[in-house]
Amino acid sequence: MRYKQLLEGYEEDLRSAIVNILTAINAEGIDTIDTDQLIIDLQAQGFSVDKNSIFKTLELLPIVANATSQTINIRSNDVTRASDAETKSKEASKIDKLAQKHAKKDLGL
């Protein structure tokens, strides 16, 4: 019984670590990662994984669009991310204006 609880906890921790890594990568605008790099990152966090053992877990994760022995494609459901240059420029300008406004407010100007 205790072994089963430990194993289930490990699998949940592994799933969470994978989702955290893939989410961070996707937030940077990257939609693929080398499978070997993901394994290296997970091993650095203390997980004992290899290519064969990781695919079962990857298949169950909604963030994974497709996984091969070479690459993992990340499914992005961020529909708010701007795709055209004009929208990106407007968003950047808006962020700059808000930053200036807050800086002036913080300085008491």
PDB file of N, CA and C in Angstrom:
ATOM      1  N   MET A   1       0.824  -1.194   0.000  1.00  0.00           N
ATOM      2  CA  MET A   1       0.000   0.000   0.000  1.00  0.00           C
ATOM      3  C   MET A   1       0.872   1.264   0.000  1.00  0.00           C
ATOM      4  N   ARG A   2       1.848   1.313   0.841  1.00  0.00           N
ATOM      5  CA  ARG A   2       2.716   2.487   0.930  1.00  0.00           C
ATOM      6  C   ARG A   2       3.502   2.684  -0.378  1.00  0.00           C
ATOM      7  N   TYR A   3       3.942   1.575  -0.979  1.00  0.00           N
ATOM      8  CA  TYR A   3       4.667   1.646  -2.242  1.00  0.00           C
ATOM      9  C   TYR A   3       3.804   2.288  -3.318  1.00  0.00           C
ATOM     10  N   LYS A   4       2.538   1.913  -3.374  1.00  0.00           N
ATOM     11  CA  LYS A   4       1.619   2.471  -4.368  1.00  0.00           C
ATOM     12  C   LYS A   4       1.447   3.972  -4.152  1.00  0.00           C
ATOM     13  N   GLN A   5       1.347   4.400  -2.901  1.00  0.00           N
ATOM     14  CA  GLN A   5       1.207   5.824  -2.606  1.00  0.00           C
ATOM     15  C   GLN A   5       2.459   6.586  -3.025  1.00  0.00           C
ATOM     16  N   LEU A   6       3.638   6.015  -2.754  1.00  0.00           N
ATOM     17  CA  LEU A   6       4.883   6.659  -3.148  1.00  0.00           C
ATOM     18  C   LEU A   6       4.992   6.764  -4.666  1.00  0.00           C
ATOM     19  N   LEU A   7       4.636   5.694  -5.361  1.00  0.00           N
ATOM     20  CA  LEU A   7       4.708   5.670  -6.814  1.00  0.00           C
ATOM     21  C   LEU A   7       3.749   6.694  -7.425  1.00  0.00           C
ATOM     22  N   GLU A   8       2.531   6.755  -6.905  1.00  0.00           N
ATOM     23  CA  GLU A   8       1.559   7.721  -7.421  1.00  0.00           C
ATOM     24  C   GLU A   8       2.026   9.149  -7.159  1.00  0.00           C
ATOM     25  N   GLY A   9       2.628   9.392  -6.007  1.00  0.00           N
ATOM     26  CA  GLY A   9       3.162  10.721  -5.695  1.00  0.00           C
ATOM     27  C   GLY A   9       4.283  11.104  -6.635  1.00  0.00           C
ATOM     28  N   TYR A  10       5.148  10.146  -6.934  1.00  0.00           N
ATOM     29  CA  TYR A  10       6.256  10.380  -7.855  1.00  0.00           C
ATOM     30  C   TYR A  10       5.739  10.715  -9.247  1.00  0.00           C
ATOM     31  N   GLU A  11       4.769   9.956  -9.719  1.00  0.00           N
ATOM     32  CA  GLU A  11       4.213  10.200 -11.051  1.00  0.00           C
ATOM     33  C   GLU A  11       3.544  11.567 -11.128  1.00  0.00           C
ATOM     34  N   GLU A  12       2.847  11.953 -10.077  1.00  0.00           N
ATOM     35  CA  GLU A  12       2.202  13.274 -10.054  1.00  0.00           C
ATOM     36  C   GLU A  12       3.255  14.388 -10.049  1.00  0.00           C
ATOM     37  N   ASP A  13       4.319  14.203  -9.268  1.00  0.00           N
ATOM     38  CA  ASP A  13       5.411  15.177  -9.245  1.00  0.00           C
ATOM     39  C   ASP A  13       6.077  15.281 -10.613  1.00  0.00           C
ATOM     40  N   LEU A  14       6.255  14.128 -11.273  1.00  0.00           N
ATOM     41  CA  LEU A  14       6.851  14.122 -12.606  1.00  0.00           C
ATOM     42  C   LEU A  14       5.965  14.863 -13.601  1.00  0.00           C
ATOM     43  N   ARG A  15       4.674  14.591 -13.573  1.00  0.00           N
ATOM     44  CA  ARG A  15       3.739  15.293 -14.473  1.00  0.00           C
ATOM     45  C   ARG A  15       3.792  16.801 -14.226  1.00  0.00           C
ATOM     46  N   SER A  16       3.788  17.190 -12.970  1.00  0.00           N
ATOM     47  CA  SER A  16       3.835  18.619 -12.640  1.00  0.00           C
ATOM     48  C   SER A  16       5.125  19.258 -13.137  1.00  0.00           C
ATOM     49  N   ALA A  17       6.246  18.574 -12.963  1.00  0.00           N
ATOM     50  CA  ALA A  17       7.528  19.109 -13.421  1.00  0.00           C
ATOM     51  C   ALA A  17       7.550  19.270 -14.938  1.00  0.00           C
ATOM     52  N   ILE A  18       7.020  18.278 -15.647  1.00  0.00           N
ATOM     53  CA  ILE A  18       6.978  18.362 -17.109  1.00  0.00           C
ATOM     54  C   ILE A  18       6.106  19.529 -17.546  1.00  0.00           C
ATOM     55  N   VAL A  19       4.934  19.657 -16.949  1.00  0.00           N
ATOM     56  CA  VAL A  19       4.033  20.756 -17.308  1.00  0.00           C
ATOM     57  C   VAL A  19       4.691  22.102 -17.012  1.00  0.00           C
ATOM     58  N   ASN A  20       5.374  22.221 -15.881  1.00  0.00           N
ATOM     59  CA  ASN A  20       6.050  23.473 -15.543  1.00  0.00           C
ATOM     60  C   ASN A  20       7.124  23.823 -16.565  1.00  0.00           C
ATOM     61  N   ILE A  21       7.921  22.838 -16.957  1.00  0.00           N
ATOM     62  CA  ILE A  21       8.981  23.085 -17.946  1.00  0.00           C
ATOM     63  C   ILE A  21       8.386  23.482 -19.291  1.00  0.00           C
ATOM     64  N   LEU A  22       7.388  22.731 -19.745  1.00  0.00           N
ATOM     65  CA  LEU A  22       6.792  23.016 -21.053  1.00  0.00           C
ATOM     66  C   LEU A  22       6.043  24.343 -21.063  1.00  0.00           C
ATOM     67  N   THR A  23       5.403  24.685 -19.959  1.00  0.00           N
ATOM     68  CA  THR A  23       4.702  25.964 -19.862  1.00  0.00           C
ATOM     69  C   THR A  23       5.689  27.125 -19.917  1.00  0.00           C
ATOM     70  N   ALA A  24       6.801  26.994 -19.208  1.00  0.00           N
ATOM     71  CA  ALA A  24       7.818  28.050 -19.219  1.00  0.00           C
ATOM     72  C   ALA A  24       8.403  28.232 -20.617  1.00  0.00           C
ATOM     73  N   ILE A  25       8.652  27.134 -21.283  1.00  0.00           N
ATOM     74  CA  ILE A  25       9.192  27.200 -22.650  1.00  0.00           C
ATOM     75  C   ILE A  25       8.179  27.845 -23.584  1.00  0.00           C
ATOM     76  N   ASN A  26       6.932  27.441 -23.463  1.00  0.00           N
ATOM     77  CA  ASN A  26       5.883  27.982 -24.325  1.00  0.00           C
ATOM     78  C   ASN A  26       5.658  29.466 -24.064  1.00  0.00           C
ATOM     79  N   ALA A  27       5.816  29.887 -22.831  1.00  0.00           N
ATOM     80  CA  ALA A  27       5.652  31.304 -22.501  1.00  0.00           C
ATOM     81  C   ALA A  27       6.709  32.168 -23.178  1.00  0.00           C
ATOM     82  N   GLU A  28       7.835  31.566 -23.520  1.00  0.00           N
ATOM     83  CA  GLU A  28       8.887  32.279 -24.240  1.00  0.00           C
ATOM     84  C   GLU A  28       8.659  32.282 -25.743  1.00  0.00           C
ATOM     85  N   GLY A  29       7.538  31.703 -26.182  1.00  0.00           N
ATOM     86  CA  GLY A  29       7.212  31.685 -27.598  1.00  0.00           C
ATOM     87  C   GLY A  29       7.792  30.495 -28.345  1.00  0.00           C
ATOM     88  N   ILE A  30       8.313  29.533 -27.616  1.00  0.00           N
ATOM     89  CA  ILE A  30       8.898  28.341 -28.229  1.00  0.00           C
ATOM     90  C   ILE A  30       7.868  27.230 -28.168  1.00  0.00           C
ATOM     91  N   ASP A  31       7.667  26.540 -29.292  1.00  0.00           N
ATOM     92  CA  ASP A  31       6.637  25.505 -29.301  1.00  0.00           C
ATOM     93  C   ASP A  31       7.177  24.086 -29.465  1.00  0.00           C
ATOM     94  N   THR A  32       8.508  23.926 -29.433  1.00  0.00           N
ATOM     95  CA  THR A  32       9.095  22.590 -29.460  1.00  0.00           C
ATOM     96  C   THR A  32      10.289  22.530 -28.516  1.00  0.00           C
ATOM     97  N   ILE A  33      10.580  21.330 -28.041  1.00  0.00           N
ATOM     98  CA  ILE A  33      11.772  21.100 -27.222  1.00  0.00           C
ATOM     99  C   ILE A  33      12.331  19.740 -27.612  1.00  0.00           C
ATOM    100  N   ASP A  34      13.631  19.620 -27.600  1.00  0.00           N
ATOM    101  CA  ASP A  34      14.249  18.320 -27.842  1.00  0.00           C
ATOM    102  C   ASP A  34      13.898  17.395 -26.691  1.00  0.00           C
ATOM    103  N   THR A  35      13.543  16.182 -27.012  1.00  0.00           N
ATOM    104  CA  THR A  35      13.200  15.205 -25.983  1.00  0.00           C
ATOM    105  C   THR A  35      14.375  14.999 -25.035  1.00  0.00           C
ATOM    106  N   ASP A  36      15.581  14.955 -25.581  1.00  0.00           N
ATOM    107  CA  ASP A  36      16.771  14.783 -24.739  1.00  0.00           C
ATOM    108  C   ASP A  36      16.930  15.940 -23.754  1.00  0.00           C
ATOM    109  N   GLN A  37      16.623  17.157 -24.192  1.00  0.00           N
ATOM    110  CA  GLN A  37      16.752  18.312 -23.301  1.00  0.00           C
ATOM    111  C   GLN A  37      15.748  18.249 -22.163  1.00  0.00           C
ATOM    112  N   LEU A  38      14.525  17.830 -22.459  1.00  0.00           N
ATOM    113  CA  LEU A  38      13.530  17.679 -21.399  1.00  0.00           C
ATOM    114  C   LEU A  38      13.994  16.640 -20.381  1.00  0.00           C
ATOM    115  N   ILE A  39      14.541  15.541 -20.861  1.00  0.00           N
ATOM    116  CA  ILE A  39      15.036  14.494 -19.961  1.00  0.00           C
ATOM    117  C   ILE A  39      16.168  15.027 -19.093  1.00  0.00           C
ATOM    118  N   ILE A  40      17.077  15.794 -19.674  1.00  0.00           N
ATOM    119  CA  ILE A  40      18.177  16.389 -18.913  1.00  0.00           C
ATOM    120  C   ILE A  40      17.633  17.316 -17.828  1.00  0.00           C
ATOM    121  N   ASP A  41      16.651  18.147 -18.186  1.00  0.00           N
ATOM    122  CA  ASP A  41      16.052  19.064 -17.218  1.00  0.00           C
ATOM    123  C   ASP A  41      15.377  18.309 -16.074  1.00  0.00           C
ATOM    124  N   LEU A  42      14.686  17.236 -16.406  1.00  0.00           N
ATOM    125  CA  LEU A  42      14.010  16.438 -15.385  1.00  0.00           C
ATOM    126  C   LEU A  42      15.015  15.718 -14.488  1.00  0.00           C
ATOM    127  N   GLN A  43      16.078  15.196 -15.075  1.00  0.00           N
ATOM    128  CA  GLN A  43      17.106  14.534 -14.280  1.00  0.00           C
ATOM    129  C   GLN A  43      17.792  15.520 -13.342  1.00  0.00           C
ATOM    130  N   ALA A  44      17.946  16.758 -13.794  1.00  0.00           N
ATOM    131  CA  ALA A  44      18.538  17.794 -12.935  1.00  0.00           C
ATOM    132  C   ALA A  44      17.646  18.095 -11.732  1.00  0.00           C
ATOM    133  N   GLN A  45      16.353  17.833 -11.874  1.00  0.00           N
ATOM    134  CA  GLN A  45      15.412  18.034 -10.772  1.00  0.00           C
ATOM    135  C   GLN A  45      15.280  16.785  -9.901  1.00  0.00           C
ATOM    136  N   GLY A  46      16.035  15.737 -10.222  1.00  0.00           N
ATOM    137  CA  GLY A  46      16.043  14.545  -9.389  1.00  0.00           C
ATOM    138  C   GLY A  46      15.173  13.395  -9.868  1.00  0.00           C
ATOM    139  N   PHE A  47      14.601  13.507 -11.047  1.00  0.00           N
ATOM    140  CA  PHE A  47      13.760  12.440 -11.584  1.00  0.00           C
ATOM    141  C   PHE A  47      14.622  11.438 -12.341  1.00  0.00           C
ATOM    142  N   SER A  48      14.280  10.184 -12.215  1.00  0.00           N
ATOM    143  CA  SER A  48      14.982   9.115 -12.929  1.00  0.00           C
ATOM    144  C   SER A  48      14.145   8.732 -14.142  1.00  0.00           C
ATOM    145  N   VAL A  49      14.437   9.364 -15.280  1.00  0.00           N
ATOM    146  CA  VAL A  49      13.656   9.137 -16.498  1.00  0.00           C
ATOM    147  C   VAL A  49      14.577   8.892 -17.681  1.00  0.00           C
ATOM    148  N   ASP A  50      14.035   8.191 -18.658  1.00  0.00           N
ATOM    149  CA  ASP A  50      14.691   8.032 -19.948  1.00  0.00           C
ATOM    150  C   ASP A  50      13.605   8.149 -21.020  1.00  0.00           C
ATOM    151  N   LYS A  51      14.000   8.019 -22.283  1.00  0.00           N
ATOM    152  CA  LYS A  51      13.028   8.197 -23.368  1.00  0.00           C
ATOM    153  C   LYS A  51      11.873   7.219 -23.272  1.00  0.00           C
ATOM    154  N   ASN A  52      12.161   5.978 -22.960  1.00  0.00           N
ATOM    155  CA  ASN A  52      11.101   4.975 -22.892  1.00  0.00           C
ATOM    156  C   ASN A  52      10.109   5.247 -21.774  1.00  0.00           C
ATOM    157  N   SER A  53      10.598   5.691 -20.641  1.00  0.00           N
ATOM    158  CA  SER A  53       9.709   5.871 -19.493  1.00  0.00           C
ATOM    159  C   SER A  53       8.899   7.163 -19.557  1.00  0.00           C
ATOM    160  N   ILE A  54       9.360   8.123 -20.319  1.00  0.00           N
ATOM    161  CA  ILE A  54       8.697   9.428 -20.318  1.00  0.00           C
ATOM    162  C   ILE A  54       7.487   9.500 -21.250  1.00  0.00           C
ATOM    163  N   PHE A  55       7.450   8.670 -22.285  1.00  0.00           N
ATOM    164  CA  PHE A  55       6.386   8.781 -23.277  1.00  0.00           C
ATOM    165  C   PHE A  55       5.006   8.463 -22.717  1.00  0.00           C
ATOM    166  N   LYS A  56       4.919   7.526 -21.800  1.00  0.00           N
ATOM    167  CA  LYS A  56       3.633   7.205 -21.180  1.00  0.00           C
ATOM    168  C   LYS A  56       3.055   8.430 -20.483  1.00  0.00           C
ATOM    169  N   THR A  57       3.920   9.161 -19.811  1.00  0.00           N
ATOM    170  CA  THR A  57       3.479  10.367 -19.116  1.00  0.00           C
ATOM    171  C   THR A  57       3.138  11.477 -20.101  1.00  0.00           C
ATOM    172  N   LEU A  58       3.953  11.654 -21.134  1.00  0.00           N
ATOM    173  CA  LEU A  58       3.712  12.713 -22.116  1.00  0.00           C
ATOM    174  C   LEU A  58       2.388  12.530 -22.847  1.00  0.00           C
ATOM    175  N   GLU A  59       2.019  11.287 -23.116  1.00  0.00           N
ATOM    176  CA  GLU A  59       0.766  11.021 -23.829  1.00  0.00           C
ATOM    177  C   GLU A  59      -0.461  11.478 -23.048  1.00  0.00           C
ATOM    178  N   LEU A  60      -0.352  11.545 -21.741  1.00  0.00           N
ATOM    179  CA  LEU A  60      -1.487  11.903 -20.894  1.00  0.00           C
ATOM    180  C   LEU A  60      -1.619  13.408 -20.660  1.00  0.00           C
ATOM    181  N   LEU A  61      -0.635  14.182 -21.087  1.00  0.00           N
ATOM    182  CA  LEU A  61      -0.635  15.619 -20.803  1.00  0.00           C
ATOM    183  C   LEU A  61      -1.267  16.421 -21.938  1.00  0.00           C
ATOM    184  N   PRO A  62      -2.266  17.236 -21.629  1.00  0.00           N
ATOM    185  CA  PRO A  62      -2.916  18.032 -22.672  1.00  0.00           C
ATOM    186  C   PRO A  62      -2.001  19.079 -23.311  1.00  0.00           C
ATOM    187  N   ILE A  63      -0.956  19.484 -22.614  1.00  0.00           N
ATOM    188  CA  ILE A  63      -0.057  20.506 -23.159  1.00  0.00           C
ATOM    189  C   ILE A  63       0.825  19.943 -24.276  1.00  0.00           C
ATOM    190  N   VAL A  64       0.934  18.623 -24.358  1.00  0.00           N
ATOM    191  CA  VAL A  64       1.767  17.989 -25.375  1.00  0.00           C
ATOM    192  C   VAL A  64       0.920  17.710 -26.618  1.00  0.00           C
ATOM    193  N   ALA A  65       1.282  18.357 -27.725  1.00  0.00           N
ATOM    194  CA  ALA A  65       0.573  18.131 -28.985  1.00  0.00           C
ATOM    195  C   ALA A  65       1.048  16.848 -29.643  1.00  0.00           C
ATOM    196  N   ASN A  66       2.364  16.637 -29.628  1.00  0.00           N
ATOM    197  CA  ASN A  66       2.949  15.457 -30.263  1.00  0.00           C
ATOM    198  C   ASN A  66       4.325  15.223 -29.652  1.00  0.00           C
ATOM    199  N   ALA A  67       4.668  13.971 -29.411  1.00  0.00           N
ATOM    200  CA  ALA A  67       5.972  13.650 -28.846  1.00  0.00           C
ATOM    201  C   ALA A  67       6.604  12.519 -29.642  1.00  0.00           C
ATOM    202  N   THR A  68       7.850  12.733 -30.052  1.00  0.00           N
ATOM    203  CA  THR A  68       8.628  11.695 -30.725  1.00  0.00           C
ATOM    204  C   THR A  68       9.921  11.505 -29.942  1.00  0.00           C
ATOM    205  N   SER A  69      10.739  10.588 -30.396  1.00  0.00           N
ATOM    206  CA  SER A  69      12.009  10.366 -29.704  1.00  0.00           C
ATOM    207  C   SER A  69      12.966  11.539 -29.896  1.00  0.00           C
ATOM    208  N   GLN A  70      12.675  12.394 -30.868  1.00  0.00           N
ATOM    209  CA  GLN A  70      13.532  13.555 -31.152  1.00  0.00           C
ATOM    210  C   GLN A  70      13.011  14.854 -30.536  1.00  0.00           C
ATOM    211  N   THR A  71      11.720  15.124 -30.716  1.00  0.00           N
ATOM    212  CA  THR A  71      11.168  16.405 -30.269  1.00  0.00           C
ATOM    213  C   THR A  71       9.806  16.228 -29.610  1.00  0.00           C
ATOM    214  N   ILE A  72       9.457  17.254 -28.845  1.00  0.00           N
ATOM    215  CA  ILE A  72       8.134  17.343 -28.230  1.00  0.00           C
ATOM    216  C   ILE A  72       7.518  18.644 -28.702  1.00  0.00           C
ATOM    217  N   ASN A  73       6.348  18.566 -29.313  1.00  0.00           N
ATOM    218  CA  ASN A  73       5.622  19.754 -29.755  1.00  0.00           C
ATOM    219  C   ASN A  73       4.648  20.150 -28.662  1.00  0.00           C
ATOM    220  N   ILE A  74       4.693  21.423 -28.310  1.00  0.00           N
ATOM    221  CA  ILE A  74       3.878  21.933 -27.231  1.00  0.00           C
ATOM    222  C   ILE A  74       2.614  22.555 -27.803  1.00  0.00           C
ATOM    223  N   ARG A  75       1.476  22.186 -27.241  1.00  0.00           N
ATOM    224  CA  ARG A  75       0.196  22.748 -27.660  1.00  0.00           C
ATOM    225  C   ARG A  75       0.013  24.063 -26.925  1.00  0.00           C
ATOM    226  N   SER A  76      -0.181  25.097 -27.681  1.00  0.00           N
ATOM    227  CA  SER A  76      -0.399  26.413 -27.085  1.00  0.00           C
ATOM    228  C   SER A  76      -1.860  26.775 -27.210  1.00  0.00           C
ATOM    229  N   ASN A  77      -2.463  27.110 -26.094  1.00  0.00           N
ATOM    230  CA  ASN A  77      -3.846  27.576 -26.140  1.00  0.00           C
ATOM    231  C   ASN A  77      -3.913  29.042 -25.732  1.00  0.00           C
ATOM    232  N   ASP A  78      -2.808  29.754 -25.989  1.00  0.00           N
ATOM    233  CA  ASP A  78      -2.756  31.178 -25.699  1.00  0.00           C
ATOM    234  C   ASP A  78      -3.237  31.939 -26.930  1.00  0.00           C
ATOM    235  N   VAL A  79      -4.525  32.175 -27.008  1.00  0.00           N
ATOM    236  CA  VAL A  79      -5.080  32.871 -28.161  1.00  0.00           C
ATOM    237  C   VAL A  79      -4.911  34.382 -28.061  1.00  0.00           C
ATOM    238  N   THR A  80      -4.429  34.860 -26.938  1.00  0.00           N
ATOM    239  CA  THR A  80      -4.248  36.302 -26.777  1.00  0.00           C
ATOM    240  C   THR A  80      -2.903  36.769 -27.300  1.00  0.00           C
ATOM    241  N   ARG A  81      -2.011  35.859 -27.598  1.00  0.00           N
ATOM    242  CA  ARG A  81      -0.694  36.240 -28.085  1.00  0.00           C
ATOM    243  C   ARG A  81      -0.830  36.837 -29.479  1.00  0.00           C
ATOM    244  N   ALA A  82      -0.282  38.013 -29.670  1.00  0.00           N
ATOM    245  CA  ALA A  82      -0.396  38.708 -30.952  1.00  0.00           C
ATOM    246  C   ALA A  82       0.410  37.980 -32.020  1.00  0.00           C
ATOM    247  N   SER A  83      -0.151  37.932 -33.208  1.00  0.00           N
ATOM    248  CA  SER A  83       0.543  37.234 -34.279  1.00  0.00           C
ATOM    249  C   SER A  83       0.996  38.180 -35.383  1.00  0.00           C
ATOM    250  N   ASP A  84       0.358  39.331 -35.506  1.00  0.00           N
ATOM    251  CA  ASP A  84       0.777  40.234 -36.576  1.00  0.00           C
ATOM    252  C   ASP A  84       1.604  41.378 -36.006  1.00  0.00           C
ATOM    253  N   ALA A  85       2.435  41.982 -36.853  1.00  0.00           N
ATOM    254  CA  ALA A  85       3.383  43.012 -36.425  1.00  0.00           C
ATOM    255  C   ALA A  85       2.678  44.255 -35.887  1.00  0.00           C
ATOM    256  N   GLU A  86       1.572  44.648 -36.508  1.00  0.00           N
ATOM    257  CA  GLU A  86       0.862  45.855 -36.076  1.00  0.00           C
ATOM    258  C   GLU A  86       0.325  45.695 -34.649  1.00  0.00           C
ATOM    259  N   THR A  87      -0.277  44.570 -34.355  1.00  0.00           N
ATOM    260  CA  THR A  87      -0.816  44.330 -33.015  1.00  0.00           C
ATOM    261  C   THR A  87       0.303  44.258 -31.993  1.00  0.00           C
ATOM    262  N   LYS A  88       1.414  43.606 -32.340  1.00  0.00           N
ATOM    263  CA  LYS A  88       2.552  43.540 -31.428  1.00  0.00           C
ATOM    264  C   LYS A  88       3.076  44.934 -31.124  1.00  0.00           C
ATOM    265  N   SER A  89       3.142  45.776 -32.142  1.00  0.00           N
ATOM    266  CA  SER A  89       3.636  47.137 -31.962  1.00  0.00           C
ATOM    267  C   SER A  89       2.712  47.938 -31.056  1.00  0.00           C
ATOM    268  N   LYS A  90       1.404  47.806 -31.253  1.00  0.00           N
ATOM    269  CA  LYS A  90       0.437  48.503 -30.408  1.00  0.00           C
ATOM    270  C   LYS A  90       0.539  48.041 -28.959  1.00  0.00           C
ATOM    271  N   GLU A  91       0.680  46.722 -28.764  1.00  0.00           N
ATOM    272  CA  GLU A  91       0.793  46.193 -27.405  1.00  0.00           C
ATOM    273  C   GLU A  91       2.069  46.671 -26.732  1.00  0.00           C
ATOM    274  N   ALA A  92       3.173  46.705 -27.472  1.00  0.00           N
ATOM    275  CA  ALA A  92       4.436  47.175 -26.918  1.00  0.00           C
ATOM    276  C   ALA A  92       4.342  48.647 -26.531  1.00  0.00           C
ATOM    277  N   SER A  93       3.695  49.445 -27.371  1.00  0.00           N
ATOM    278  CA  SER A  93       3.512  50.861 -27.077  1.00  0.00           C
ATOM    279  C   SER A  93       2.657  51.049 -25.831  1.00  0.00           C
ATOM    280  N   LYS A  94       1.609  50.275 -25.717  1.00  0.00           N
ATOM    281  CA  LYS A  94       0.723  50.359 -24.551  1.00  0.00           C
ATOM    282  C   LYS A  94       1.475  49.998 -23.273  1.00  0.00           C
ATOM    283  N   ILE A  95       2.293  48.963 -23.342  1.00  0.00           N
ATOM    284  CA  ILE A  95       3.076  48.548 -22.176  1.00  0.00           C
ATOM    285  C   ILE A  95       4.067  49.638 -21.786  1.00  0.00           C
ATOM    286  N   ASP A  96       4.715  50.253 -22.780  1.00  0.00           N
ATOM    287  CA  ASP A  96       5.654  51.342 -22.506  1.00  0.00           C
ATOM    288  C   ASP A  96       4.956  52.504 -21.814  1.00  0.00           C
ATOM    289  N   LYS A  97       3.783  52.879 -22.302  1.00  0.00           N
ATOM    290  CA  LYS A  97       3.037  53.992 -21.706  1.00  0.00           C
ATOM    291  C   LYS A  97       2.632  53.673 -20.267  1.00  0.00           C
ATOM    292  N   LEU A  98       2.161  52.451 -20.037  1.00  0.00           N
ATOM    293  CA  LEU A  98       1.784  52.058 -18.674  1.00  0.00           C
ATOM    294  C   LEU A  98       2.991  52.056 -17.746  1.00  0.00           C
ATOM    295  N   ALA A  99       4.128  51.601 -18.237  1.00  0.00           N
ATOM    296  CA  ALA A  99       5.341  51.584 -17.419  1.00  0.00           C
ATOM    297  C   ALA A  99       5.774  53.002 -17.059  1.00  0.00           C
ATOM    298  N   GLN A 100       5.702  53.904 -18.026  1.00  0.00           N
ATOM    299  CA  GLN A 100       6.055  55.298 -17.758  1.00  0.00           C
ATOM    300  C   GLN A 100       5.091  55.916 -16.748  1.00  0.00           C
ATOM    301  N   LYS A 101       3.813  55.623 -16.900  1.00  0.00           N
ATOM    302  CA  LYS A 101       2.792  56.150 -15.992  1.00  0.00           C
ATOM    303  C   LYS A 101       3.066  55.683 -14.556  1.00  0.00           C
ATOM    304  N   HIS A 102       3.354  54.400 -14.393  1.00  0.00           N
ATOM    305  CA  HIS A 102       3.609  53.864 -13.062  1.00  0.00           C
ATOM    306  C   HIS A 102       4.922  54.396 -12.483  1.00  0.00           C
ATOM    307  N   ALA A 103       5.923  54.568 -13.329  1.00  0.00           N
ATOM    308  CA  ALA A 103       7.208  55.115 -12.856  1.00  0.00           C
ATOM    309  C   ALA A 103       7.030  56.543 -12.361  1.00  0.00           C
ATOM    310  N   LYS A 104       6.251  57.358 -13.097  1.00  0.00           N
ATOM    311  CA  LYS A 104       5.999  58.739 -12.679  1.00  0.00           C
ATOM    312  C   LYS A 104       5.205  58.757 -11.378  1.00  0.00           C
ATOM    313  N   LYS A 105       4.247  57.862 -11.261  1.00  0.00           N
ATOM    314  CA  LYS A 105       3.447  57.792 -10.049  1.00  0.00           C
ATOM    315  C   LYS A 105       4.306  57.396  -8.860  1.00  0.00           C
ATOM    316  N   ASP A 106       5.210  56.435  -9.051  1.00  0.00           N
ATOM    317  CA  ASP A 106       6.095  56.007  -7.986  1.00  0.00           C
ATOM    318  C   ASP A 106       7.072  57.106  -7.558  1.00  0.00           C
ATOM    319  N   LEU A 107       7.463  57.932  -8.517  1.00  0.00           N
ATOM    320  CA  LEU A 107       8.394  59.036  -8.213  1.00  0.00           C
ATOM    321  C   LEU A 107       7.659  60.274  -7.705  1.00  0.00           C
ATOM    322  N   GLY A 108       6.350  60.272  -7.741  1.00  0.00           N
ATOM    323  CA  GLY A 108       5.572  61.396  -7.261  1.00  0.00           C
ATOM    324  C   GLY A 108       5.516  62.550  -8.226  1.00  0.00           C
ATOM    325  N   LEU A 109       5.667  62.287  -9.483  1.00  0.00           N
ATOM    326  CA  LEU A 109       5.621  63.343 -10.507  1.00  0.00           C
ATOM    327  C   LEU A 109       4.242  63.523 -11.062  1.00  0.00           C
TER     328      LEU A 109
END
